[in-house]
């Protein structure tokens, strides 16, 4: 899925089953944290699912 950063509005690709913390490419803000199953997005992050 594509996740848009709140600080710099850059779009970063995040996998739904990410195993580690994902940071923004532009400003190093934490976009999502890993859980046991799916990645959990930070509050306020907007996202869109990829089309197959």
PDB file of N, CA and C in Angstrom:
ATOM      1  N   UNK A   1       0.840  -1.168   0.000  1.00  0.00           N
ATOM      2  CA  UNK A   1       0.000   0.000   0.000  1.00  0.00           C
ATOM      3  C   UNK A   1       0.885   1.232   0.000  1.00  0.00           C
ATOM      4  N   UNK A   2       0.362   2.335  -0.495  1.00  0.00           N
ATOM      5  CA  UNK A   2       1.067   3.608  -0.482  1.00  0.00           C
ATOM      6  C   UNK A   2       0.638   4.378   0.760  1.00  0.00           C
ATOM      7  N   UNK A   3       1.604   4.891   1.508  1.00  0.00           N
ATOM      8  CA  UNK A   3       1.320   5.655   2.721  1.00  0.00           C
ATOM      9  C   UNK A   3       1.893   7.051   2.548  1.00  0.00           C
ATOM     10  N   UNK A   4       1.072   8.073   2.824  1.00  0.00           N
ATOM     11  CA  UNK A   4       1.507   9.461   2.692  1.00  0.00           C
ATOM     12  C   UNK A   4       1.916   9.999   4.053  1.00  0.00           C
ATOM     13  N   UNK A   5       3.092  10.598   4.111  1.00  0.00           N
ATOM     14  CA  UNK A   5       3.621  11.168   5.346  1.00  0.00           C
ATOM     15  C   UNK A   5       2.870  12.448   5.697  1.00  0.00           C
ATOM     16  N   UNK A   6       2.645  12.664   6.980  1.00  0.00           N
ATOM     17  CA  UNK A   6       1.972  13.884   7.428  1.00  0.00           C
ATOM     18  C   UNK A   6       2.888  15.103   7.389  1.00  0.00           C
ATOM     19  N   UNK A   7       4.189  14.890   7.580  1.00  0.00           N
ATOM     20  CA  UNK A   7       5.115  16.012   7.650  1.00  0.00           C
ATOM     21  C   UNK A   7       5.497  16.583   6.301  1.00  0.00           C
ATOM     22  N   UNK A   8       5.914  15.709   5.368  1.00  0.00           N
ATOM     23  CA  UNK A   8       6.436  16.204   4.090  1.00  0.00           C
ATOM     24  C   UNK A   8       5.579  15.785   2.897  1.00  0.00           C
ATOM     25  N   UNK A   9       4.537  15.002   3.124  1.00  0.00           N
ATOM     26  CA  UNK A   9       3.583  14.567   2.098  1.00  0.00           C
ATOM     27  C   UNK A   9       4.204  13.699   1.008  1.00  0.00           C
ATOM     28  N   UNK A  10       5.337  13.058   1.301  1.00  0.00           N
ATOM     29  CA  UNK A  10       5.913  12.101   0.354  1.00  0.00           C
ATOM     30  C   UNK A  10       5.201  10.765   0.515  1.00  0.00           C
ATOM     31  N   UNK A  11       5.145  10.006  -0.572  1.00  0.00           N
ATOM     32  CA  UNK A  11       4.480   8.706  -0.562  1.00  0.00           C
ATOM     33  C   UNK A  11       5.530   7.611  -0.471  1.00  0.00           C
ATOM     34  N   UNK A  12       5.322   6.677   0.465  1.00  0.00           N
ATOM     35  CA  UNK A  12       6.225   5.556   0.683  1.00  0.00           C
ATOM     36  C   UNK A  12       5.440   4.260   0.533  1.00  0.00           C
ATOM     37  N   UNK A  13       6.037   3.276  -0.118  1.00  0.00           N
ATOM     38  CA  UNK A  13       5.403   1.964  -0.275  1.00  0.00           C
ATOM     39  C   UNK A  13       5.661   1.150   0.987  1.00  0.00           C
ATOM     40  N   UNK A  14       4.591   0.625   1.582  1.00  0.00           N
ATOM     41  CA  UNK A  14       4.684  -0.172   2.802  1.00  0.00           C
ATOM     42  C   UNK A  14       3.966  -1.493   2.553  1.00  0.00           C
ATOM     43  N   UNK A  15       4.609  -2.585   2.907  1.00  0.00           N
ATOM     44  CA  UNK A  15       3.975  -3.893   2.797  1.00  0.00           C
ATOM     45  C   UNK A  15       3.099  -4.127   4.019  1.00  0.00           C
ATOM     46  N   UNK A  16       1.969  -4.780   3.826  1.00  0.00           N
ATOM     47  CA  UNK A  16       1.009  -4.960   4.916  1.00  0.00           C
ATOM     48  C   UNK A  16       1.543  -5.836   6.035  1.00  0.00           C
ATOM     49  N   UNK A  17       2.482  -6.729   5.743  1.00  0.00           N
ATOM     50  CA  UNK A  17       3.048  -7.608   6.759  1.00  0.00           C
ATOM     51  C   UNK A  17       4.491  -7.224   7.068  1.00  0.00           C
ATOM     52  N   UNK A  18       4.770  -5.923   7.153  1.00  0.00           N
ATOM     53  CA  UNK A  18       6.129  -5.448   7.421  1.00  0.00           C
ATOM     54  C   UNK A  18       6.610  -5.963   8.777  1.00  0.00           C
ATOM     55  N   UNK A  19       7.863  -6.352   8.858  1.00  0.00           N
ATOM     56  CA  UNK A  19       8.434  -6.937  10.067  1.00  0.00           C
ATOM     57  C   UNK A  19       9.195  -5.925  10.918  1.00  0.00           C
ATOM     58  N   UNK A  20       9.336  -4.697  10.445  1.00  0.00           N
ATOM     59  CA  UNK A  20      10.062  -3.684  11.211  1.00  0.00           C
ATOM     60  C   UNK A  20       9.408  -2.324  11.015  1.00  0.00           C
ATOM     61  N   UNK A  21       9.865  -1.355  11.764  1.00  0.00           N
ATOM     62  CA  UNK A  21       9.336   0.001  11.678  1.00  0.00           C
ATOM     63  C   UNK A  21       9.686   0.586  10.313  1.00  0.00           C
ATOM     64  N   UNK A  22       8.723   1.265   9.687  1.00  0.00           N
ATOM     65  CA  UNK A  22       8.950   1.899   8.388  1.00  0.00           C
ATOM     66  C   UNK A  22       9.012   3.403   8.599  1.00  0.00           C
ATOM     67  N   UNK A  23      10.090   4.020   8.089  1.00  0.00           N
ATOM     68  CA  UNK A  23      10.298   5.457   8.214  1.00  0.00           C
ATOM     69  C   UNK A  23      10.034   6.140   6.884  1.00  0.00           C
ATOM     70  N   UNK A  24       9.669   7.415   6.949  1.00  0.00           N
ATOM     71  CA  UNK A  24       9.475   8.223   5.753  1.00  0.00           C
ATOM     72  C   UNK A  24      10.829   8.466   5.092  1.00  0.00           C
ATOM     73  N   UNK A  25      10.853   8.434   3.773  1.00  0.00           N
ATOM     74  CA  UNK A  25      12.090   8.652   3.028  1.00  0.00           C
ATOM     75  C   UNK A  25      12.551  10.102   3.158  1.00  0.00           C
ATOM     76  N   UNK A  26      11.608  11.039   3.189  1.00  0.00           N
ATOM     77  CA  UNK A  26      11.957  12.452   3.195  1.00  0.00           C
ATOM     78  C   UNK A  26      12.345  13.012   4.547  1.00  0.00           C
ATOM     79  N   UNK A  27      11.575  12.691   5.603  1.00  0.00           N
ATOM     80  CA  UNK A  27      11.795  13.355   6.892  1.00  0.00           C
ATOM     81  C   UNK A  27      12.029  12.385   8.048  1.00  0.00           C
ATOM     82  N   UNK A  28      12.105  11.098   7.795  1.00  0.00           N
ATOM     83  CA  UNK A  28      12.384  10.062   8.801  1.00  0.00           C
ATOM     84  C   UNK A  28      11.331   9.964   9.897  1.00  0.00           C
ATOM     85  N   UNK A  29      10.108  10.345   9.605  1.00  0.00           N
ATOM     86  CA  UNK A  29       8.999  10.173  10.534  1.00  0.00           C
ATOM     87  C   UNK A  29       8.551   8.712  10.499  1.00  0.00           C
ATOM     88  N   UNK A  30       8.168   8.162  11.647  1.00  0.00           N
ATOM     89  CA  UNK A  30       7.684   6.783  11.703  1.00  0.00           C
ATOM     90  C   UNK A  30       6.303   6.722  11.057  1.00  0.00           C
ATOM     91  N   UNK A  31       6.161   5.872  10.029  1.00  0.00           N
ATOM     92  CA  UNK A  31       4.883   5.721   9.338  1.00  0.00           C
ATOM     93  C   UNK A  31       4.071   4.564   9.884  1.00  0.00           C
ATOM     94  N   UNK A  32       4.736   3.454  10.212  1.00  0.00           N
ATOM     95  CA  UNK A  32       4.016   2.312  10.767  1.00  0.00           C
ATOM     96  C   UNK A  32       4.950   1.471  11.622  1.00  0.00           C
ATOM     97  N   UNK A  33       4.341   0.717  12.533  1.00  0.00           N
ATOM     98  CA  UNK A  33       5.088  -0.161  13.419  1.00  0.00           C
ATOM     99  C   UNK A  33       4.666  -1.597  13.158  1.00  0.00           C
ATOM    100  N   UNK A  34       5.592  -2.506  13.343  1.00  0.00           N
ATOM    101  CA  UNK A  34       5.303  -3.922  13.147  1.00  0.00           C
ATOM    102  C   UNK A  34       4.557  -4.467  14.358  1.00  0.00           C
ATOM    103  N   UNK A  35       3.606  -5.344  14.085  1.00  0.00           N
ATOM    104  CA  UNK A  35       2.916  -6.077  15.143  1.00  0.00           C
ATOM    105  C   UNK A  35       3.145  -7.552  14.851  1.00  0.00           C
ATOM    106  N   UNK A  36       2.445  -8.402  15.505  1.00  0.00           N
ATOM    107  CA  UNK A  36       2.600  -9.825  15.249  1.00  0.00           C
ATOM    108  C   UNK A  36       2.102 -10.240  13.881  1.00  0.00           C
ATOM    109  N   UNK A  37       1.134  -9.532  13.353  1.00  0.00           N
ATOM    110  CA  UNK A  37       0.545  -9.892  12.055  1.00  0.00           C
ATOM    111  C   UNK A  37       0.748  -8.778  11.040  1.00  0.00           C
ATOM    112  N   UNK A  38      -0.151  -7.812  11.018  1.00  0.00           N
ATOM    113  CA  UNK A  38      -0.086  -6.728  10.041  1.00  0.00           C
ATOM    114  C   UNK A  38       0.612  -5.511  10.628  1.00  0.00           C
ATOM    115  N   UNK A  39       1.133  -4.678   9.751  1.00  0.00           N
ATOM    116  CA  UNK A  39       1.745  -3.429  10.194  1.00  0.00           C
ATOM    117  C   UNK A  39       0.641  -2.478  10.654  1.00  0.00           C
ATOM    118  N   UNK A  40       0.919  -1.721  11.701  1.00  0.00           N
ATOM    119  CA  UNK A  40      -0.057  -0.772  12.239  1.00  0.00           C
ATOM    120  C   UNK A  40       0.373   0.641  11.857  1.00  0.00           C
ATOM    121  N   UNK A  41      -0.489   1.343  11.115  1.00  0.00           N
ATOM    122  CA  UNK A  41      -0.182   2.705  10.694  1.00  0.00           C
ATOM    123  C   UNK A  41      -0.315   3.667  11.863  1.00  0.00           C
ATOM    124  N   UNK A  42       0.471   4.728  11.826  1.00  0.00           N
ATOM    125  CA  UNK A  42       0.356   5.776  12.834  1.00  0.00           C
ATOM    126  C   UNK A  42      -0.925   6.560  12.596  1.00  0.00           C
ATOM    127  N   UNK A  43      -1.464   7.173  13.634  1.00  0.00           N
ATOM    128  CA  UNK A  43      -2.691   7.951  13.508  1.00  0.00           C
ATOM    129  C   UNK A  43      -2.467   9.131  12.568  1.00  0.00           C
ATOM    130  N   UNK A  44      -3.439   9.344  11.701  1.00  0.00           N
ATOM    131  CA  UNK A  44      -3.390  10.471  10.787  1.00  0.00           C
ATOM    132  C   UNK A  44      -2.752  10.181   9.445  1.00  0.00           C
ATOM    133  N   UNK A  45      -2.096   9.038   9.296  1.00  0.00           N
ATOM    134  CA  UNK A  45      -1.486   8.685   8.008  1.00  0.00           C
ATOM    135  C   UNK A  45      -2.587   8.294   7.031  1.00  0.00           C
ATOM    136  N   UNK A  46      -2.486   8.808   5.824  1.00  0.00           N
ATOM    137  CA  UNK A  46      -3.435   8.386   4.798  1.00  0.00           C
ATOM    138  C   UNK A  46      -2.783   7.311   3.943  1.00  0.00           C
ATOM    139  N   UNK A  47      -3.591   6.414   3.409  1.00  0.00           N
ATOM    140  CA  UNK A  47      -3.053   5.302   2.636  1.00  0.00           C
ATOM    141  C   UNK A  47      -4.010   4.947   1.511  1.00  0.00           C
ATOM    142  N   UNK A  48      -3.489   4.201   0.548  1.00  0.00           N
ATOM    143  CA  UNK A  48      -4.320   3.624  -0.504  1.00  0.00           C
ATOM    144  C   UNK A  48      -3.758   2.260  -0.856  1.00  0.00           C
ATOM    145  N   UNK A  49      -4.654   1.347  -1.159  1.00  0.00           N
ATOM    146  CA  UNK A  49      -4.238  -0.011  -1.510  1.00  0.00           C
ATOM    147  C   UNK A  49      -3.778  -0.039  -2.956  1.00  0.00           C
ATOM    148  N   UNK A  50      -2.802  -0.885  -3.234  1.00  0.00           N
ATOM    149  CA  UNK A  50      -2.296  -1.056  -4.593  1.00  0.00           C
ATOM    150  C   UNK A  50      -3.271  -1.897  -5.401  1.00  0.00           C
ATOM    151  N   UNK A  51      -3.393  -1.591  -6.682  1.00  0.00           N
ATOM    152  CA  UNK A  51      -4.198  -2.400  -7.592  1.00  0.00           C
ATOM    153  C   UNK A  51      -3.340  -3.539  -8.110  1.00  0.00           C
ATOM    154  N   UNK A  52      -3.904  -4.720  -8.210  1.00  0.00           N
ATOM    155  CA  UNK A  52      -3.151  -5.885  -8.698  1.00  0.00           C
ATOM    156  C   UNK A  52      -3.256  -5.991 -10.184  1.00  0.00           C
TER     157      UNK A  52
END
